[in-house]
Structures are given as structure tokens and as C-alpha cells.
Protein backbone atom coordinates (compact mmCIF):
# COMPACT_ATOMS: atom_id res chain seq x y z
CA MET A 1 65.11 -7.17 12.54
CA ARG A 2 65.16 -4.16 10.23
CA PHE A 3 68.22 -2.98 8.41
CA ASN A 4 68.30 0.79 7.39
CA THR A 5 71.66 0.76 5.67
CA PHE A 6 74.05 -1.44 3.82
CA ASP A 7 76.72 -1.00 6.64
CA SER A 8 74.10 -2.47 9.20
CA VAL A 9 73.50 -5.52 7.00
CA VAL A 10 77.28 -6.05 6.85
CA GLN A 11 77.69 -5.56 10.62
CA PHE A 12 74.87 -7.84 11.44
CA TYR A 13 76.34 -10.63 9.08
CA ASN A 14 79.84 -10.28 10.71
CA LEU A 15 78.36 -10.60 14.20
CA THR A 16 76.08 -13.59 13.51
CA LYS A 17 77.42 -17.14 13.92
CA PRO A 18 76.50 -19.59 11.19
CA VAL A 19 74.06 -22.38 12.34
CA ILE A 20 75.82 -25.80 12.17
CA SER A 21 73.58 -28.81 12.76
CA LYS A 22 72.45 -32.06 11.07
CA ASN A 23 70.57 -29.91 8.63
CA TYR A 24 73.33 -27.32 7.75
CA THR A 25 76.97 -27.51 7.31
CA LYS A 26 79.60 -24.82 7.98
CA GLU A 27 80.10 -24.38 4.24
CA GLN A 28 76.59 -23.45 3.84
CA ASP A 29 76.93 -20.38 5.96
CA MET A 30 73.32 -20.14 7.31
CA ARG A 31 73.32 -16.99 9.28
CA PRO A 32 69.70 -16.34 10.48
CA ILE A 33 68.14 -12.95 10.74
CA SER A 34 65.98 -13.80 13.83
CA GLU A 35 65.52 -16.99 15.74
CA ARG A 36 68.19 -19.61 14.91
CA ARG A 37 65.71 -22.32 14.53
CA TYR A 38 64.45 -20.61 11.40
CA ALA A 39 67.94 -20.44 9.72
CA TRP A 40 66.45 -20.28 6.32
CA ARG A 41 65.45 -16.73 7.09
CA ARG A 42 68.97 -15.39 6.72
CA ILE A 43 71.66 -13.23 5.31
CA LYS A 44 73.61 -14.32 2.50
CA LYS A 45 76.90 -12.72 1.33
CA TYR A 46 77.77 -12.94 -2.21
CA ASP A 47 80.74 -10.67 -2.19
CA ASP A 48 81.82 -7.52 -0.24
CA ASN A 49 79.41 -5.32 -2.26
CA CYS A 50 76.27 -7.71 -2.29
CA TYR A 51 74.11 -9.18 0.44
CA ALA A 52 70.78 -10.82 0.21
CA LEU A 53 68.04 -11.19 2.87
CA LEU A 54 66.43 -14.49 2.02
CA ASP A 55 63.18 -15.87 3.28
CA GLY A 56 63.68 -19.44 2.16
CA ASP A 57 61.46 -19.25 -0.89
CA TYR A 58 63.01 -20.36 -4.21
CA SER A 59 65.93 -21.98 -2.11
CA GLU A 60 69.09 -23.03 -4.04
CA ARG A 61 68.47 -26.51 -2.67
CA MET A 62 65.35 -26.66 -4.89
CA THR A 63 66.31 -24.37 -7.70
CA SER A 64 69.91 -22.85 -8.32
CA ALA A 65 72.15 -20.25 -6.73
CA GLU A 66 71.61 -17.85 -9.62
CA TYR A 67 67.82 -18.16 -9.38
CA GLU A 68 67.74 -17.91 -5.61
CA LYS A 69 69.76 -14.59 -5.78
CA ALA A 70 67.54 -13.29 -8.53
CA MET A 71 64.47 -14.05 -6.48
CA ALA A 72 65.76 -12.63 -3.26
CA PRO A 73 63.03 -10.45 -1.56
CA ILE A 74 65.62 -7.95 -0.33
CA LEU A 75 69.13 -7.38 -2.04
CA TRP A 76 71.51 -4.85 -0.65
CA THR A 77 74.28 -3.78 -3.02
CA ARG A 78 77.06 -1.12 -2.99
CA ASP A 79 78.86 0.37 -5.95
CA ALA A 80 82.44 -0.38 -5.69
CA GLU A 81 83.55 2.87 -7.26
CA SER A 82 81.20 5.64 -6.05
CA GLY A 83 80.31 3.85 -2.67
CA ASP A 84 76.61 4.48 -3.46
CA THR A 85 74.23 1.86 -1.87
CA PHE A 86 70.94 0.43 -3.22
CA ILE A 87 68.12 -1.87 -2.03
CA ARG A 88 66.19 -4.04 -4.43
CA VAL A 89 62.76 -5.27 -3.39
CA ARG A 90 61.07 -8.23 -5.16
CA ASN A 91 57.69 -10.01 -4.80
CA GLY A 92 56.98 -13.72 -5.52
CA THR A 93 55.95 -15.38 -8.74
CA ALA A 94 52.59 -14.86 -10.44
CA PRO A 95 49.83 -15.69 -9.87
CA SER A 96 50.06 -17.19 -6.44
CA ALA A 97 49.90 -15.53 -3.10
CA HIS A 98 53.02 -15.40 -1.01
CA HIS A 99 52.04 -14.61 2.58
CA GLY A 100 55.44 -15.79 3.97
CA ARG A 101 57.23 -13.26 1.70
CA TYR A 102 54.79 -10.51 2.58
CA ARG A 103 55.48 -10.87 6.29
CA PHE A 104 59.18 -11.14 5.56
CA LEU A 105 59.19 -7.76 3.75
CA HIS A 106 57.08 -6.32 6.46
CA TYR A 107 59.58 -7.22 9.15
CA HIS A 108 62.88 -6.74 7.37
CA LEU A 109 62.58 -3.66 5.09
CA PRO A 110 64.08 -0.44 6.41
CA HIS A 111 62.02 1.77 8.66
CA THR A 112 61.56 4.20 5.88
CA ILE A 113 60.23 1.58 3.59
CA SER A 114 56.85 -0.17 4.60
CA PHE A 115 55.19 -2.95 2.89
CA HIS A 116 51.29 -3.03 2.38
CA ILE A 117 48.51 -4.94 0.83
CA GLU A 118 45.44 -3.05 -0.52
CA GLN A 119 41.91 -4.31 -0.08
CA SER A 120 41.86 -5.40 -3.64
CA GLY A 121 44.79 -7.65 -3.00
CA ALA A 122 47.38 -5.66 -4.68
CA GLN A 123 50.89 -5.25 -3.02
CA TYR A 124 52.91 -2.11 -2.90
CA VAL A 125 55.50 -0.39 -0.77
CA HIS A 126 55.46 3.08 0.74
CA VAL A 127 58.78 4.74 0.47
CA CYS A 128 59.95 7.75 2.52
CA THR A 129 61.61 10.16 0.04
CA ASP A 130 63.79 13.24 1.01
CA ASN A 131 60.79 15.45 0.62
CA ALA A 132 58.81 13.44 3.26
CA LEU A 133 61.44 12.94 5.77
CA ARG A 134 60.13 15.65 7.99
CA ASN A 135 56.73 14.09 7.83
CA MET A 136 57.80 10.42 8.05
CA TYR A 137 54.96 9.56 10.48
CA LYS A 138 52.26 10.83 7.96
CA SER A 139 51.89 7.89 5.50
CA ARG A 140 50.26 10.17 2.95
CA GLU A 141 53.53 11.97 2.58
CA TRP A 142 55.25 8.71 1.48
CA GLU A 143 55.61 7.87 -2.06
CA LYS A 144 53.70 4.77 -3.11
CA PHE A 145 55.16 2.09 -5.59
CA GLU A 146 53.26 -1.09 -6.69
CA LEU A 147 55.10 -4.19 -6.28
CA PRO A 148 53.84 -6.64 -8.90
CA LYS A 149 54.63 -10.39 -9.07
CA THR A 150 57.04 -11.65 -11.62
CA ASN A 151 56.57 -14.33 -14.26
CA PHE A 152 60.23 -15.49 -13.83
CA SER A 153 59.35 -18.85 -12.40
CA TRP A 154 61.35 -22.06 -11.99
CA ASN A 155 60.65 -25.26 -13.96
CA HIS A 156 61.30 -28.10 -11.49
CA GLN A 157 61.04 -30.80 -14.10
CA ASN A 158 63.70 -29.29 -16.41
CA LYS A 159 65.66 -27.78 -13.54
CA ARG A 160 65.82 -24.36 -15.09
CA PRO A 161 63.84 -21.05 -15.13
CA ASN A 162 60.82 -20.65 -17.34
CA GLY A 163 62.03 -18.14 -19.90
CA VAL A 164 64.19 -15.14 -19.23
CA ASP A 165 64.22 -12.86 -16.08
CA ASP A 166 61.58 -10.09 -16.66
CA ASN A 167 63.29 -7.89 -14.01
CA VAL A 168 59.98 -7.08 -12.23
CA PHE A 169 61.41 -5.67 -9.09
CA LEU A 170 62.00 -2.19 -7.55
CA THR A 171 65.39 -0.74 -6.94
CA PHE A 172 66.00 2.39 -4.55
CA LYS A 173 69.09 4.38 -4.03
CA CYS A 174 69.90 5.11 -0.31
CA ASN A 175 70.38 8.76 0.54
CA GLU A 176 72.64 9.84 3.43
CA ASP A 177 69.53 11.21 5.41
CA GLY A 178 67.79 7.80 5.48
CA THR A 179 65.47 8.42 2.64
CA PHE A 180 65.39 6.64 -0.64
CA GLU A 181 64.78 7.51 -4.20
CA ARG A 182 63.63 5.25 -7.24
CA TRP A 183 66.52 4.05 -9.15
CA GLY A 184 67.19 2.02 -12.33
CA ASP A 185 64.74 0.89 -15.12
CA LYS A 186 61.16 1.42 -14.66
CA ILE A 187 58.85 -1.49 -14.72
CA ILE A 188 55.38 -1.64 -16.53
CA VAL A 189 52.44 -2.19 -14.33
CA ARG A 190 48.90 -2.87 -15.54
CA THR A 191 46.10 -0.83 -14.02
CA ARG A 192 42.39 -1.76 -13.56
CA ASN A 193 41.33 0.48 -16.36
CA ILE A 194 40.72 -0.91 -19.95
CA ASP A 195 42.50 0.99 -22.63
CA MET A 196 39.34 1.76 -24.64
CA ASP A 197 41.15 2.97 -27.84
CA LEU A 198 43.05 -0.35 -27.92
CA LYS A 199 39.78 -2.27 -27.25
CA ARG A 200 38.13 -0.59 -30.20
CA GLU A 201 41.09 -1.25 -32.50
CA TRP A 202 40.80 -5.00 -31.42
CA LYS A 203 37.06 -5.30 -31.64
CA PRO A 204 36.96 -6.89 -35.14
CA ARG A 205 39.68 -9.38 -34.19
CA LEU A 206 37.90 -10.22 -31.02
CA GLN A 207 34.69 -10.94 -32.94
CA ALA A 208 36.41 -13.03 -35.30
CA PHE A 209 38.05 -15.05 -32.68
CA TYR A 210 34.84 -15.54 -30.93
CA MET A 211 33.23 -16.86 -34.09
CA PHE A 212 36.14 -19.33 -34.56
CA MET A 213 35.67 -20.36 -30.93
CA ALA A 214 31.89 -20.92 -31.51
CA SER A 215 32.68 -23.03 -34.58
CA ILE A 216 35.26 -25.16 -33.24
CA VAL A 217 34.01 -25.84 -29.65
CA PRO A 218 31.45 -28.47 -30.56
CA MET A 219 34.28 -30.70 -32.06
CA LEU A 220 36.37 -30.46 -28.93
CA GLU A 221 36.44 -32.57 -25.77
CA PHE A 222 36.28 -30.96 -22.39
CA THR A 223 37.41 -33.57 -19.90
CA TRP A 224 40.15 -33.11 -17.27
CA ALA A 225 42.32 -35.30 -19.54
CA THR A 226 42.04 -33.16 -22.48
CA HIS A 227 42.37 -30.01 -20.47
CA ASN A 228 45.82 -31.32 -19.37
CA GLU A 229 46.61 -32.02 -22.98
CA TYR A 230 45.91 -28.57 -24.02
CA VAL A 231 48.13 -27.25 -21.21
CA ASN A 232 50.84 -29.67 -22.21
CA GLN A 233 50.77 -28.39 -25.74
CA ILE A 234 51.44 -24.85 -24.47
CA ASP A 235 54.32 -26.15 -22.06
CA GLU A 236 55.89 -28.16 -25.04
CA TRP A 237 55.67 -25.10 -27.32
CA LYS A 238 57.17 -23.03 -24.67
CA GLN A 239 60.23 -25.21 -24.39
CA ASP A 240 61.43 -23.68 -27.97
CA HIS A 241 60.26 -20.19 -27.27
CA GLY A 242 61.00 -19.66 -23.51
CA ALA A 243 64.40 -18.06 -24.17
CA THR A 244 62.71 -14.80 -25.27
CA HIS A 245 59.63 -14.82 -23.17
CA ALA A 246 58.68 -15.05 -19.45
CA PHE A 247 55.71 -17.36 -18.89
CA GLY A 248 53.53 -17.31 -15.79
CA THR A 249 53.02 -20.64 -14.18
CA ALA A 250 50.98 -22.19 -11.42
CA TRP A 251 52.24 -25.42 -9.78
CA GLY A 252 54.93 -25.49 -12.42
CA ARG A 253 52.57 -25.33 -15.44
CA THR A 254 51.66 -22.50 -17.77
CA THR A 255 48.37 -20.75 -17.09
CA LEU A 256 46.21 -19.06 -19.67
CA TYR A 257 46.93 -15.65 -18.21
CA GLY A 258 50.59 -16.48 -17.88
CA ILE A 259 51.02 -16.51 -21.63
CA PRO A 260 52.99 -13.40 -22.56
CA LYS A 261 51.08 -10.57 -24.25
CA GLU A 262 52.95 -10.75 -27.53
CA VAL A 263 52.27 -14.49 -27.77
CA ALA A 264 48.72 -14.17 -26.76
CA ARG A 265 48.01 -11.49 -29.41
CA ASP A 266 49.65 -13.62 -32.04
CA ILE A 267 47.47 -16.60 -31.22
CA VAL A 268 44.37 -14.45 -31.61
CA THR A 269 45.33 -12.95 -34.94
CA ASN A 270 47.36 -15.80 -36.55
CA THR A 271 45.04 -18.38 -37.83
CA GLU A 272 48.00 -20.77 -38.35
CA HIS A 273 49.32 -20.46 -34.88
CA PRO A 274 50.13 -23.97 -33.38
CA LEU A 275 48.57 -23.06 -29.97
CA ARG A 276 45.31 -21.67 -31.55
CA VAL A 277 43.11 -24.64 -30.78
CA ALA A 278 44.57 -25.41 -27.39
CA VAL A 279 44.09 -21.76 -26.17
CA THR A 280 40.60 -21.56 -27.70
CA ALA A 281 39.71 -24.62 -25.68
CA LEU A 282 41.06 -23.02 -22.38
CA ILE A 283 39.11 -19.77 -23.13
CA ALA A 284 35.98 -21.74 -23.84
CA ARG A 285 36.24 -23.30 -20.46
CA GLU A 286 36.98 -19.96 -18.79
CA THR A 287 33.96 -18.43 -20.34
CA GLU A 288 31.56 -21.38 -19.95
CA GLY A 289 31.35 -21.30 -23.78
CA HIS A 290 31.78 -25.13 -24.01
CA ARG A 291 28.34 -25.83 -22.49
CA GLU A 292 25.20 -25.97 -24.49
CA ILE A 293 23.59 -22.44 -24.70
CA LYS A 294 19.69 -22.64 -24.49
CA SER A 295 18.56 -19.06 -24.11
CA GLN A 296 19.62 -15.46 -25.05
CA GLU A 297 20.31 -14.85 -21.38
CA GLN A 298 22.89 -17.60 -21.34
CA LEU A 299 24.41 -16.30 -24.49
CA ARG A 300 24.72 -12.68 -23.17
CA GLU A 301 26.57 -14.28 -19.99
CA VAL A 302 28.95 -16.09 -22.20
CA ARG A 303 29.72 -12.94 -24.23
CA LYS A 304 30.16 -10.99 -20.99
CA LYS A 305 32.69 -13.63 -19.52
CA TYR A 306 34.34 -13.67 -23.06
CA ASN A 307 35.01 -9.86 -22.86
CA TYR A 308 36.37 -10.16 -19.33
CA VAL A 309 38.68 -13.12 -20.20
CA MET A 310 39.93 -11.57 -23.31
CA ASN A 311 40.64 -8.18 -21.54
CA LYS A 312 42.80 -10.17 -19.30
CA PHE A 313 44.43 -12.55 -21.64
CA LEU A 314 45.35 -9.97 -24.15
CA HIS A 315 46.50 -7.37 -21.52
CA MET A 316 43.96 -4.77 -22.54
CA GLN A 317 44.45 -2.82 -19.34
CA GLU A 318 46.11 0.62 -19.40
CA THR A 319 49.65 0.56 -18.04
CA LYS A 320 51.88 2.87 -16.08
CA GLU A 321 55.57 3.07 -15.33
CA VAL A 322 56.70 2.45 -11.66
């Protein structure tokens, strides 16, 4: 089922009877979009001007009502004063793949918005703008918007989000002719190109951090137990600093590449940072720098991996607004 307008969402909601069973009560108002046995794929009404299309991910049962709404794959809203309508599209959390959400977006976005995955794995939407309406069957005429994953994840242990919402989603205003236009604040998306000016500026700092890593690695342990301890240190530090940053997680735990850019760069430059040793150990493992180096060829390979890891860890890629 595809919904092309806010009114069509409202109409479908009103015509759909809630599923009432041993799993769902009348008060839960489970109104499915397609087959009733998949009631978690549904329309949820928040008020007369806000409806969400939910895929079951990040369910209120496992998180909170506020977080479920924030992570809705498709959110339809209407401005109470102007009557303008909008659609918000959101991906899942980084760094995991979310195949169920991809299928959901594929089947339930409007006809003039289509979801795609590039060969590289990047996700994006093609949006029919007013300039492309007459050529709507020619995909090259549609405007392409990348749909990056968010770092706004849920901490199941503490029963709250990991940090603040980074607002990584796309919002489009609905035009009367069935087209859309980009609306609201732009989001920053990293490209695959390295910012060479920034890389040159950071070269002395990267060299200094490499020498620190080389000096301290022989004194560290690299068992699974110590690896978990390093991650625990980051998670504990995050508890006191998550209110101002969004940390990327995997299976509920912070990842090396989920550390926000500002924090990552401070760790590298601040010799007194409390996470410096833990992060150094994780980087050493990523680069194979914790293993004994017996040849120049092995050394070159470690330096090559170090360059790749630090580009990613420090967000050295060029960025663009979407």
C-alpha cells in the first residue's frame, strides 16, 4: 500500500479496523497497513495532524513512545495553520543494515518517491520534483537524496536513548501536483572523498598519535576480556557525556566509529583524555598494530590500515548538505 497524500493516510486509518487478539488490545489501536497478521506494520495516529507508518522496528514495547515516534520510517504531518503537509523519511541506526526497513520504505513511500540501494550499499531516495513531473517515468529526471543512518540509538540497559537525537532524516513538503520539495534543516552527509586540506593539517597529530600507539601497545593486553573492558570504559564515559552527543552503537554498545567526531578528535589531540588508552587499544586491534611486526612489508601494511582507520575515525571525508 502506497500513500501519496496526507489525506489518503487519514482515510485509510479511519477505514481500517484495529486488530484485537490475545496479542493486541483495543487500546493499542493496531491498524495494519497490509495483511492483518502483520499488525506491527501499521498506521499510528498521534493527533489530527500527525500520523506515522511504522515497520515494527524500535517498538514502543521495547523502547518508549517518544523514541518509536522519532524513529518512524515514514511520518506524515500537517501544519494546523497553513494546511501544508509534509512527509519525513528516516533510515535505521548505524552501523547495522536494516533490510526490513528498506522493504518497508520500498512498498509504502508515495509513487513519486522511490527508495534505492547503490551497489556500494549506500541508501537514497529518488524524489519527483515539480520540474520532473512531466518526465516522472525517467529516473534520471528525479532528484536524488542520500538517506544516511542515524546514531540516535536506544540503550536497553538504561532504558533511554544513547544521547540526543541527531535529526538525521529527510523531510519533504507535498505540492498540490503530487511532487515534493526538500524542506527543513539540511543534514550533513559524508562523501567517499578525503578532505586533503584537512588531512594535511592533521598529519603531525596523526604521526604523534601513531608514535604514542606504538609506544603503549606493548604494555597492553589484547584478549576478548580486555577488549570488552576498553568498550566498557567508553560506555561508562558516555553516560556522563551522552546528553550532548549522539554515539553510534552496535548491539547496544558503542563502536569505535560510533564515537562522535568532536570527541574522537579530542581523544587524539588531548594527551590527558580519559579514553585515550582505551581508544588506542581499539585502533591498534583494527590496524593489526598489536601484533609483532617482523618486516618492513608488515610495517607498511599497518601504516596503510592506520591511515584508513583514522580517516574513518576522525571523519576526514569531505561532506555535503542534503
